[in-house]
Every structure is written in structure tokens, then in C-alpha cells.
Amino acid sequence: MKLLMIEDNTSVAEMMAMFFQKEKWEVVNAYDGEEGLAKFKEAPDSFDIITLDLNLPKMDGMQVAKEIRQISETVPLIMLTARDTESDQVLGLELGADDYVTKPFSPITLIARIKALHRRAEVGAEVGAEQAEPEAKKDGFDVETDHFKLSTKTREAYLNGKQIEGLTPKEFDLLHTLSKSPKQVFSREQLLQLVWDYEYYGDERTVDAHIKKLRQKIEKVGPQIIQTVWGVGYKFDDSGLDQ
């Protein structure tokens, strides 16, 4: 795995480099926002994961995240932040971060997050195809209703024949998890475990921020199919579209 670590604290960067080497991961370091963005632009397809500090010199981490997402909607992005306010964390997620880790953090925690995010990005389509019913495989869709279709092989989803475009890996996995069990209500804790692959490290705001972005992309092509069940969580329900 090849990582781009955009981190101005050299002590943190050097410490994590040692842990990454133990995992046999290649790491490219950048020490300010402009340098990090420039290194990503040089070879955007070469990085498997980006870790991005929020407080950076020359260019703020929020702006870096925004520009990275304009180049690539799918590269997994973990935001590292010393800020512990809900607004900063949610804004980072809404700008395209797949996850965040609050400083100070343990190297083991960050590595666990990286592994979980990379695993979902790399094998999500493979696993989904293996678990699909034979009939779904035959038609190329793992989930199919009168209004909605989703394929884990192509990582595409359609509502009323229109593609839901620009889905990040986590947004697609959320949509797949919810839609393959229509009307089943999932708590935020369940979604953290099923989509992010971890229970202990998760934060419910991560789920809420991704649901918000997912809904925005769905609404570009049709009515809302992700419903909130107040006090419990979320569910997929397109039955109302028949009315």
C-alpha cells in the first residue's frame, strides 16, 4: 500500500513512518498543504490512502481536502485533527474525508482505521459480487427493485434509470448496506461496524455526515430513498415512489 501523509508535525510524521514501515507500506510525506496537494496532483492514481492534517501551513487542510476531491472522488481520505469540535469534524467529512482521527492518537488506532478503509475500498466490490444471489449476478445487479438498481461489480447505482453519480467508496458501501435490506432500520453503531469495519473506534457523526452527502447525490436524480427513523437510525425505502 502507498500512502500520502500530509502532516506538518515532523515528529508525528517520523513516528508514523516507522509504524508504516513495519506494515511494509510505502509512505510519501508532505509538510504543508501546498506541497501535499502538489504531490497528489503529480500522480493521483498512485496513492491508496491519504492522511491529511487539518491545521497546515500555506494551505488549510479543509481546502486541500476540497481540491483533492475535485481531482478524485474515490481516493480514501482520513483527516487528522487536533480540533475536537463537532463542526470542524463534520465539515471535514462533508468536504470528502472518509474518516477522521483526533489528535493525540495512538499509532495503532490510525493503522486500524487505515486498514479498515483500505480493505473496504479494495475488496468491497469483490465481496459483494460473491455474496450476490445467482439471479442478481445474471442481470449484473446485486440489488434491484422497481425503481432502484445497484451493482457491486461496477460500483454503480441507478434510481429510476438515472445513475447516482460521484459516490465515494463509503457512500456506495452505505447505500449497498441499506438497500440490500429494504425497510430494515440500521442504527449508527451497526453502520459503523458494517461499513467502516470497526466498532470501538467509531463516531456516530461519521455516519451522519456520510448520509447527508449520500442524500444530496440521490436528490440530484430523484426522490429521497434513505429515510431517517428518529431515535434509531436509517433505512432504505423506495416503496413510496409507487404512489
Protein backbone atom coordinates (compact mmCIF):
# COMPACT_ATOMS: atom_id res chain seq x y z
CA MET A 1 0.00 0.00 0.00
CA LYS A 2 1.20 3.52 -0.82
CA LEU A 3 0.21 6.39 1.46
CA LEU A 4 0.44 10.16 1.15
CA MET A 5 0.80 11.68 4.64
CA ILE A 6 0.23 15.45 4.69
CA GLU A 7 1.41 16.42 8.17
CA ASP A 8 3.40 19.49 9.26
CA ASN A 9 4.48 18.00 12.60
CA THR A 10 7.73 16.23 11.72
CA SER A 11 7.71 14.23 14.98
CA VAL A 12 4.30 12.76 14.17
CA ALA A 13 5.32 12.10 10.55
CA GLU A 14 8.57 10.36 11.57
CA MET A 15 6.83 8.29 14.25
CA MET A 16 4.12 7.11 11.86
CA ALA A 17 6.71 6.39 9.14
CA MET A 18 8.29 3.80 11.45
CA PHE A 19 4.95 2.11 12.04
CA PHE A 20 4.10 2.20 8.32
CA GLN A 21 7.44 0.57 7.51
CA LYS A 22 6.62 -2.27 9.91
CA GLU A 23 3.44 -2.82 7.88
CA LYS A 24 5.59 -2.76 4.73
CA TRP A 25 3.71 0.28 3.44
CA GLU A 26 5.33 2.95 1.28
CA VAL A 27 4.79 6.49 2.57
CA VAL A 28 5.27 9.84 0.86
CA ASN A 29 5.45 12.78 3.26
CA ALA A 30 4.39 16.37 2.68
CA TYR A 31 4.79 19.03 5.35
CA ASP A 32 2.37 21.75 4.26
CA GLY A 33 -0.89 21.95 2.34
CA GLU A 34 0.56 23.22 -0.92
CA GLU A 35 3.25 20.53 -1.02
CA GLY A 36 0.71 17.80 -0.21
CA LEU A 37 -1.65 18.89 -2.95
CA ALA A 38 1.20 19.19 -5.44
CA LYS A 39 2.44 15.67 -4.68
CA PHE A 40 -1.05 14.27 -5.10
CA LYS A 41 -1.50 16.09 -8.41
CA GLU A 42 1.77 14.59 -9.71
CA ALA A 43 0.39 11.04 -9.52
CA PRO A 44 -3.21 10.96 -8.23
CA ASP A 45 -3.73 7.31 -9.21
CA SER A 46 -0.65 6.07 -7.35
CA PHE A 47 -1.91 6.59 -3.79
CA ASP A 48 -4.04 4.04 -1.94
CA ILE A 49 -4.71 6.23 1.12
CA ILE A 50 -4.23 9.88 2.10
CA THR A 51 -3.91 11.06 5.70
CA LEU A 52 -4.44 14.79 5.95
CA ASP A 53 -3.81 17.07 8.93
CA LEU A 54 -6.43 19.78 9.37
CA ASN A 55 -4.08 22.52 10.62
CA LEU A 56 -1.47 23.03 7.91
CA PRO A 57 0.74 25.95 6.85
CA LYS A 58 0.36 27.56 3.42
CA MET A 59 -2.99 25.84 2.71
CA ASP A 60 -5.56 24.73 5.27
CA GLY A 61 -6.44 21.04 5.38
CA MET A 62 -10.08 21.80 4.57
CA GLN A 63 -9.07 23.47 1.30
CA VAL A 64 -6.66 20.64 0.49
CA ALA A 65 -9.45 18.08 1.03
CA LYS A 66 -11.78 20.06 -1.22
CA GLU A 67 -9.23 20.22 -4.04
CA ILE A 68 -8.29 16.55 -3.67
CA ARG A 69 -11.96 15.63 -4.07
CA GLN A 70 -12.17 17.72 -7.25
CA ILE A 71 -9.38 15.57 -8.69
CA SER A 72 -10.50 12.22 -7.30
CA GLU A 73 -13.88 11.38 -5.77
CA THR A 74 -12.75 7.94 -4.66
CA VAL A 75 -9.25 8.05 -3.13
CA PRO A 76 -9.69 7.12 0.57
CA LEU A 77 -9.00 10.12 2.80
CA ILE A 78 -8.51 10.19 6.58
CA MET A 79 -8.38 13.57 8.28
CA LEU A 80 -6.13 14.06 11.30
CA THR A 81 -7.17 16.90 13.56
CA ALA A 82 -6.29 18.42 16.92
CA ARG A 83 -9.61 20.24 16.83
CA ASP A 84 -12.27 18.48 18.84
CA THR A 85 -15.32 20.46 17.87
CA GLU A 86 -18.22 18.78 16.13
CA SER A 87 -18.46 21.48 13.45
CA ASP A 88 -14.84 21.01 12.32
CA GLN A 89 -15.15 17.24 12.16
CA VAL A 90 -18.47 17.26 10.33
CA LEU A 91 -17.22 19.90 7.88
CA GLY A 92 -14.18 17.75 7.14
CA LEU A 93 -16.39 14.76 6.43
CA GLU A 94 -18.72 16.84 4.28
CA LEU A 95 -15.77 18.08 2.22
CA GLY A 96 -14.97 14.48 1.33
CA ALA A 97 -12.97 12.87 4.14
CA ASP A 98 -13.93 9.23 4.65
CA ASP A 99 -12.96 9.27 8.32
CA TYR A 100 -11.16 11.36 10.92
CA VAL A 101 -8.83 10.71 13.84
CA THR A 102 -8.48 13.23 16.66
CA LYS A 103 -5.02 14.10 17.98
CA PRO A 104 -3.38 12.92 20.12
CA PHE A 105 -3.94 9.44 18.71
CA SER A 106 -2.23 6.10 19.12
CA PRO A 107 -0.40 4.78 16.03
CA ILE A 108 -2.33 1.52 16.43
CA THR A 109 -5.62 3.41 16.16
CA LEU A 110 -4.59 5.17 12.96
CA ILE A 111 -3.27 1.95 11.42
CA ALA A 112 -6.54 0.18 12.28
CA ARG A 113 -8.50 2.95 10.57
CA ILE A 114 -6.25 2.85 7.51
CA LYS A 115 -6.57 -0.93 7.20
CA ALA A 116 -10.35 -0.81 7.55
CA LEU A 117 -10.72 1.94 4.96
CA HIS A 118 -8.34 0.30 2.51
CA ARG A 119 -9.96 -3.10 2.92
CA ARG A 120 -13.40 -1.70 2.09
CA ALA A 121 -12.11 0.27 -0.90
CA GLU A 122 -10.19 -2.67 -2.37
CA VAL A 123 -12.39 -5.70 -1.80
CA GLY A 124 -15.87 -4.24 -1.40
CA ALA A 125 -16.85 -4.98 -4.98
CA GLU A 126 -15.36 -8.47 -4.85
CA VAL A 127 -17.14 -9.43 -1.66
CA GLY A 128 -20.44 -8.01 -2.88
CA ALA A 129 -20.27 -10.00 -6.09
CA GLU A 130 -19.53 -13.22 -4.22
CA GLN A 131 -22.47 -12.71 -1.87
CA ALA A 132 -24.97 -11.76 -4.55
CA GLU A 133 -27.81 -14.12 -5.41
CA PRO A 134 -27.38 -16.05 -8.70
CA GLU A 135 -30.31 -14.19 -10.29
CA ALA A 136 -28.74 -10.86 -9.46
CA LYS A 137 -25.39 -11.94 -10.89
CA LYS A 138 -27.08 -12.97 -14.10
CA ASP A 139 -28.57 -9.49 -14.58
CA GLY A 140 -25.47 -7.72 -13.32
CA PHE A 141 -27.20 -6.16 -10.30
CA ASP A 142 -26.89 -7.18 -6.66
CA VAL A 143 -29.88 -5.08 -5.61
CA GLU A 144 -32.84 -4.48 -7.91
CA THR A 145 -36.30 -3.05 -7.25
CA ASP A 146 -38.86 -1.36 -9.49
CA HIS A 147 -37.04 1.94 -9.00
CA PHE A 148 -33.50 1.17 -7.88
CA LYS A 149 -30.56 -0.91 -9.12
CA LEU A 150 -27.08 -1.38 -7.68
CA SER A 151 -24.08 -3.36 -8.90
CA THR A 152 -21.09 -4.07 -6.68
CA LYS A 153 -19.13 -5.21 -9.73
CA THR A 154 -19.31 -1.85 -11.49
CA ARG A 155 -19.83 0.15 -8.26
CA GLU A 156 -22.79 1.90 -9.87
CA ALA A 157 -26.27 2.70 -8.58
CA TYR A 158 -29.33 3.88 -10.51
CA LEU A 159 -32.60 5.48 -9.41
CA ASN A 160 -35.42 5.43 -11.95
CA GLY A 161 -32.87 4.70 -14.66
CA LYS A 162 -30.59 7.63 -13.79
CA GLN A 163 -27.13 6.97 -12.38
CA ILE A 164 -26.35 8.34 -8.92
CA GLU A 165 -23.02 9.89 -9.76
CA GLY A 166 -19.91 10.76 -7.77
CA LEU A 167 -20.35 8.22 -4.96
CA THR A 168 -17.27 7.84 -2.77
CA PRO A 169 -16.35 4.30 -1.62
CA LYS A 170 -18.00 4.85 1.76
CA GLU A 171 -21.15 6.40 0.26
CA PHE A 172 -21.50 3.45 -2.10
CA ASP A 173 -20.97 0.95 0.72
CA LEU A 174 -23.56 2.74 2.85
CA LEU A 175 -26.08 2.65 0.02
CA HIS A 176 -25.35 -1.02 -0.64
CA THR A 177 -25.68 -1.97 3.03
CA LEU A 178 -29.01 -0.18 3.40
CA SER A 179 -30.54 -1.13 0.05
CA LYS A 180 -29.84 -4.87 0.25
CA SER A 181 -32.14 -4.98 3.30
CA PRO A 182 -35.06 -2.72 2.30
CA LYS A 183 -37.05 -1.17 5.17
CA GLN A 184 -34.69 -2.67 7.76
CA VAL A 185 -33.63 0.00 10.22
CA PHE A 186 -29.89 0.19 10.93
CA SER A 187 -28.54 2.01 13.96
CA ARG A 188 -25.50 4.23 13.55
CA GLU A 189 -23.47 1.73 15.58
CA GLN A 190 -24.45 -1.08 13.20
CA LEU A 191 -23.50 1.00 10.17
CA LEU A 192 -20.11 1.85 11.69
CA GLN A 193 -19.44 -1.85 12.13
CA LEU A 194 -20.78 -2.96 8.73
CA VAL A 195 -19.43 -0.14 6.56
CA TRP A 196 -16.35 1.09 8.42
CA ASP A 197 -15.32 -2.33 9.77
CA TYR A 198 -14.86 -1.17 13.32
CA GLU A 199 -16.99 -0.83 16.44
CA TYR A 200 -14.66 0.55 19.09
CA TYR A 201 -13.10 3.45 17.21
CA GLY A 202 -16.20 4.84 15.55
CA ASP A 203 -18.06 8.11 15.98
CA GLU A 204 -21.73 8.41 15.04
CA ARG A 205 -21.10 11.80 13.40
CA THR A 206 -19.13 9.96 10.72
CA VAL A 207 -22.31 8.12 9.70
CA ASP A 208 -24.49 11.24 9.78
CA ALA A 209 -22.09 13.25 7.62
CA HIS A 210 -21.87 10.50 5.00
CA ILE A 211 -25.65 10.03 4.96
CA LYS A 212 -26.04 13.77 4.33
CA LYS A 213 -23.68 13.69 1.34
CA LEU A 214 -25.27 10.49 0.01
CA ARG A 215 -28.73 12.06 0.17
CA GLN A 216 -27.54 15.13 -1.70
CA LYS A 217 -26.31 12.94 -4.56
CA ILE A 218 -29.51 10.86 -4.61
CA GLU A 219 -31.65 14.00 -4.76
CA LYS A 220 -29.88 15.10 -7.94
CA VAL A 221 -31.56 12.22 -9.82
CA GLY A 222 -34.83 11.60 -7.98
CA PRO A 223 -36.83 11.36 -4.75
CA GLN A 224 -35.18 10.52 -1.44
CA ILE A 225 -34.86 6.78 -0.69
CA ILE A 226 -32.78 6.98 2.51
CA GLN A 227 -35.15 7.60 5.39
CA THR A 228 -34.39 8.67 8.96
CA VAL A 229 -36.05 6.68 11.73
CA TRP A 230 -35.88 9.18 14.56
CA GLY A 231 -34.10 7.96 17.66
CA VAL A 232 -32.95 4.77 15.94
CA GLY A 233 -31.07 5.23 12.67
CA TYR A 234 -31.61 4.94 8.92
CA LYS A 235 -33.32 2.70 6.38
CA PHE A 236 -33.66 2.28 2.62
CA ASP A 237 -37.27 2.54 1.40
CA ASP A 238 -38.31 3.25 -2.18
CA SER A 239 -41.87 1.92 -1.80
CA GLY A 240 -43.23 5.46 -1.60
CA LEU A 241 -42.16 6.07 -5.19
CA ASP A 242 -45.04 3.86 -6.38
CA GLN A 243 -47.63 6.30 -5.05
